[in-house]
Amino acid sequence: MCLFCKIINKEIPSEIILEDDDFMAFHDINPKAPVHILAIPKSHVDSFSEVSSSMMADMTIFIQNVAKEMDIEKSGYRVITNIGDNGGQEVKHLHFHVLGGAKLAWTHLSDSNPKVFL
C-alpha cells in the first residue's frame, strides 16, 4: 500500500483540510509556499497518465474548493502534478500540489539552459 493510501486509511497522521467521499486534501510536510496542500483521489491511481476524464472533472471542482478553503482563490495559486520519474513524481499515487499564499516565483527553470538536456 502506498504512502497516500495509508494517509487515506488514517494509518499515517496528516493535517487534513478538506475531505469528501472521493478526495482528500492535506498540508504537505515539506511546504514550498506559505500554502502548500496536496489534493489526492481516495481511489488509487498511479499518475495523471492513468486518470479518467470523469475523475479529473470531479477533481477540478475539489481543487477549486481547496483554494476557497485556504482563501487563495482570489489572490491566485498554482496547481502542479508530477508524472513519472523524469517528471519528479516521488509518490506513485496521483496528487496535485496546490501552492499559494504569496507571489510564486518559477526560479528552478528561470536560469535553465534547455540545450543541456538535448
C-alpha atoms as a PDB file:
ATOM      1  CA  MET A   1       0.000   0.000   0.000  1.00  0.00           C
ATOM      2  CA  CYS A   2       1.390   3.414  -0.953  1.00  0.00           C
ATOM      3  CA  LEU A   3       2.034   6.303   1.432  1.00  0.00           C
ATOM      4  CA  PHE A   4      -1.049   8.268   0.352  1.00  0.00           C
ATOM      5  CA  CYS A   5      -3.325   5.215   0.627  1.00  0.00           C
ATOM      6  CA  LYS A   6      -2.095   4.877   4.234  1.00  0.00           C
ATOM      7  CA  ILE A   7      -2.966   8.542   4.835  1.00  0.00           C
ATOM      8  CA  ILE A   8      -6.433   7.965   3.343  1.00  0.00           C
ATOM      9  CA  ASN A   9      -6.893   4.962   5.651  1.00  0.00           C
ATOM     10  CA  LYS A  10      -5.746   7.111   8.621  1.00  0.00           C
ATOM     11  CA  GLU A  11      -2.792   4.781   9.240  1.00  0.00           C
ATOM     12  CA  ILE A  12      -0.456   7.782   8.946  1.00  0.00           C
ATOM     13  CA  PRO A  13      -1.482  11.102  10.501  1.00  0.00           C
ATOM     14  CA  SER A  14      -1.900  14.179   8.339  1.00  0.00           C
ATOM     15  CA  GLU A  15      -3.311  17.650   8.696  1.00  0.00           C
ATOM     16  CA  ILE A  16      -6.454  17.256   6.591  1.00  0.00           C
ATOM     17  CA  ILE A  17      -8.037  20.496   5.429  1.00  0.00           C
ATOM     18  CA  LEU A  18     -10.807  19.139   3.184  1.00  0.00           C
ATOM     19  CA  GLU A  19     -12.266  15.700   2.541  1.00  0.00           C
ATOM     20  CA  ASP A  20     -15.258  14.178   0.815  1.00  0.00           C
ATOM     21  CA  ASP A  21     -16.215  10.670  -0.320  1.00  0.00           C
ATOM     22  CA  ASP A  22     -13.806  10.720  -3.273  1.00  0.00           C
ATOM     23  CA  PHE A  23     -10.944  13.113  -2.456  1.00  0.00           C
ATOM     24  CA  MET A  24      -8.749  14.337   0.369  1.00  0.00           C
ATOM     25  CA  ALA A  25      -6.563  17.416   0.790  1.00  0.00           C
ATOM     26  CA  PHE A  26      -3.884  17.862   3.432  1.00  0.00           C
ATOM     27  CA  HIS A  27      -0.858  20.024   4.180  1.00  0.00           C
ATOM     28  CA  ASP A  28       2.413  18.991   2.539  1.00  0.00           C
ATOM     29  CA  ILE A  29       5.016  18.037   5.159  1.00  0.00           C
ATOM     30  CA  ASN A  30       7.725  19.847   3.166  1.00  0.00           C
ATOM     31  CA  PRO A  31       5.993  23.065   2.018  1.00  0.00           C
ATOM     32  CA  LYS A  32       7.392  25.104  -0.873  1.00  0.00           C
ATOM     33  CA  ALA A  33       4.998  28.049  -0.386  1.00  0.00           C
ATOM     34  CA  PRO A  34       3.063  29.630   2.503  1.00  0.00           C
ATOM     35  CA  VAL A  35       0.125  27.462   1.404  1.00  0.00           C
ATOM     36  CA  HIS A  36       1.120  24.023   0.109  1.00  0.00           C
ATOM     37  CA  ILE A  37      -1.681  21.477   0.009  1.00  0.00           C
ATOM     38  CA  LEU A  38      -1.732  18.026  -1.581  1.00  0.00           C
ATOM     39  CA  ALA A  39      -5.046  17.032  -3.175  1.00  0.00           C
ATOM     40  CA  ILE A  40      -5.493  13.327  -3.913  1.00  0.00           C
ATOM     41  CA  PRO A  41      -8.189  10.919  -5.032  1.00  0.00           C
ATOM     42  CA  LYS A  42      -9.126   8.327  -2.431  1.00  0.00           C
ATOM     43  CA  SER A  43      -9.070   5.591  -5.035  1.00  0.00           C
ATOM     44  CA  HIS A  44      -5.538   4.665  -6.042  1.00  0.00           C
ATOM     45  CA  VAL A  45      -4.456   5.951  -9.453  1.00  0.00           C
ATOM     46  CA  ASP A  46      -0.708   5.829 -10.126  1.00  0.00           C
ATOM     47  CA  SER A  47      -0.412   9.126 -12.013  1.00  0.00           C
ATOM     48  CA  PHE A  48      -2.035  11.710 -14.247  1.00  0.00           C
ATOM     49  CA  SER A  49      -1.243   9.459 -17.222  1.00  0.00           C
ATOM     50  CA  GLU A  50      -3.811   6.957 -15.937  1.00  0.00           C
ATOM     51  CA  VAL A  51      -6.591   9.180 -14.593  1.00  0.00           C
ATOM     52  CA  SER A  52     -10.034   9.156 -16.215  1.00  0.00           C
ATOM     53  CA  SER A  53     -11.593  12.314 -17.567  1.00  0.00           C
ATOM     54  CA  SER A  54     -14.573  11.898 -15.234  1.00  0.00           C
ATOM     55  CA  MET A  55     -12.303  11.726 -12.177  1.00  0.00           C
ATOM     56  CA  MET A  56     -10.436  14.824 -13.390  1.00  0.00           C
ATOM     57  CA  ALA A  57     -13.714  16.706 -13.780  1.00  0.00           C
ATOM     58  CA  ASP A  58     -14.593  15.966 -10.159  1.00  0.00           C
ATOM     59  CA  MET A  59     -11.015  16.603  -9.022  1.00  0.00           C
ATOM     60  CA  THR A  60     -11.119  20.052 -10.635  1.00  0.00           C
ATOM     61  CA  ILE A  61     -14.112  21.041  -8.521  1.00  0.00           C
ATOM     62  CA  PHE A  62     -12.447  19.619  -5.408  1.00  0.00           C
ATOM     63  CA  ILE A  63      -9.222  21.571  -6.025  1.00  0.00           C
ATOM     64  CA  GLN A  64     -11.232  24.762  -6.563  1.00  0.00           C
ATOM     65  CA  ASN A  65     -12.891  24.111  -3.191  1.00  0.00           C
ATOM     66  CA  VAL A  66      -9.462  23.595  -1.607  1.00  0.00           C
ATOM     67  CA  ALA A  67      -8.416  27.023  -2.925  1.00  0.00           C
ATOM     68  CA  LYS A  68     -11.561  28.552  -1.380  1.00  0.00           C
ATOM     69  CA  GLU A  69     -10.972  26.750   1.925  1.00  0.00           C
ATOM     70  CA  MET A  70      -7.399  28.084   2.044  1.00  0.00           C
ATOM     71  CA  ASP A  71      -8.560  31.582   0.986  1.00  0.00           C
ATOM     72  CA  ILE A  72      -6.291  31.726  -2.071  1.00  0.00           C
ATOM     73  CA  GLU A  73      -8.891  31.534  -4.844  1.00  0.00           C
ATOM     74  CA  LYS A  74      -8.901  35.287  -5.444  1.00  0.00           C
ATOM     75  CA  SER A  75      -5.201  36.066  -4.900  1.00  0.00           C
ATOM     76  CA  GLY A  76      -4.084  33.219  -7.144  1.00  0.00           C
ATOM     77  CA  TYR A  77      -2.445  29.853  -6.832  1.00  0.00           C
ATOM     78  CA  ARG A  78      -0.569  27.191  -8.762  1.00  0.00           C
ATOM     79  CA  VAL A  79      -1.656  23.572  -9.352  1.00  0.00           C
ATOM     80  CA  ILE A  80       1.097  21.101 -10.233  1.00  0.00           C
ATOM     81  CA  THR A  81       1.230  17.366 -10.762  1.00  0.00           C
ATOM     82  CA  ASN A  82       4.426  15.455 -11.432  1.00  0.00           C
ATOM     83  CA  ILE A  83       4.273  12.405 -13.703  1.00  0.00           C
ATOM     84  CA  GLY A  84       6.828   9.610 -13.614  1.00  0.00           C
ATOM     85  CA  ASP A  85      10.461   9.598 -12.594  1.00  0.00           C
ATOM     86  CA  ASN A  86      11.632  12.251 -15.072  1.00  0.00           C
ATOM     87  CA  GLY A  87       8.719  14.476 -14.057  1.00  0.00           C
ATOM     88  CA  GLY A  88       9.746  14.304 -10.408  1.00  0.00           C
ATOM     89  CA  GLN A  89       6.908  12.120  -9.110  1.00  0.00           C
ATOM     90  CA  GLU A  90       8.026  10.744  -5.743  1.00  0.00           C
ATOM     91  CA  VAL A  91       4.806   9.046  -4.583  1.00  0.00           C
ATOM     92  CA  LYS A  92       3.145   6.814  -7.172  1.00  0.00           C
ATOM     93  CA  HIS A  93      -0.374   7.989  -6.318  1.00  0.00           C
ATOM     94  CA  LEU A  94      -1.977  10.792  -8.323  1.00  0.00           C
ATOM     95  CA  HIS A  95      -1.629  14.024  -6.391  1.00  0.00           C
ATOM     96  CA  PHE A  96      -1.812  17.715  -7.096  1.00  0.00           C
ATOM     97  CA  HIS A  97       0.233  20.346  -5.310  1.00  0.00           C
ATOM     98  CA  VAL A  98      -1.874  23.443  -4.621  1.00  0.00           C
ATOM     99  CA  LEU A  99       0.516  26.302  -3.841  1.00  0.00           C
ATOM    100  CA  GLY A 100      -0.291  29.881  -2.946  1.00  0.00           C
ATOM    101  CA  GLY A 101      -0.264  32.484  -0.237  1.00  0.00           C
ATOM    102  CA  ALA A 102       2.424  34.596  -1.936  1.00  0.00           C
ATOM    103  CA  LYS A 103       3.565  35.704  -5.373  1.00  0.00           C
ATOM    104  CA  LEU A 104       5.183  32.493  -6.583  1.00  0.00           C
ATOM    105  CA  ALA A 105       8.456  32.512  -8.488  1.00  0.00           C
ATOM    106  CA  TRP A 106       9.449  29.980 -11.122  1.00  0.00           C
ATOM    107  CA  THR A 107      13.121  30.085 -10.206  1.00  0.00           C
ATOM    108  CA  HIS A 108      14.021  26.452 -10.765  1.00  0.00           C
ATOM    109  CA  LEU A 109      13.550  26.946 -14.514  1.00  0.00           C
ATOM    110  CA  SER A 110      14.421  30.624 -14.878  1.00  0.00           C
ATOM    111  CA  ASP A 111      18.112  30.016 -15.497  1.00  0.00           C
ATOM    112  CA  SER A 112      17.845  26.607 -17.155  1.00  0.00           C
ATOM    113  CA  ASN A 113      19.510  26.028 -20.486  1.00  0.00           C
ATOM    114  CA  PRO A 114      17.317  23.608 -22.485  1.00  0.00           C
ATOM    115  CA  LYS A 115      20.296  22.675 -24.683  1.00  0.00           C
ATOM    116  CA  VAL A 116      21.799  20.890 -21.679  1.00  0.00           C
ATOM    117  CA  PHE A 117      19.015  18.308 -21.981  1.00  0.00           C
ATOM    118  CA  LEU A 118      19.285  17.819 -25.748  1.00  0.00           C
END
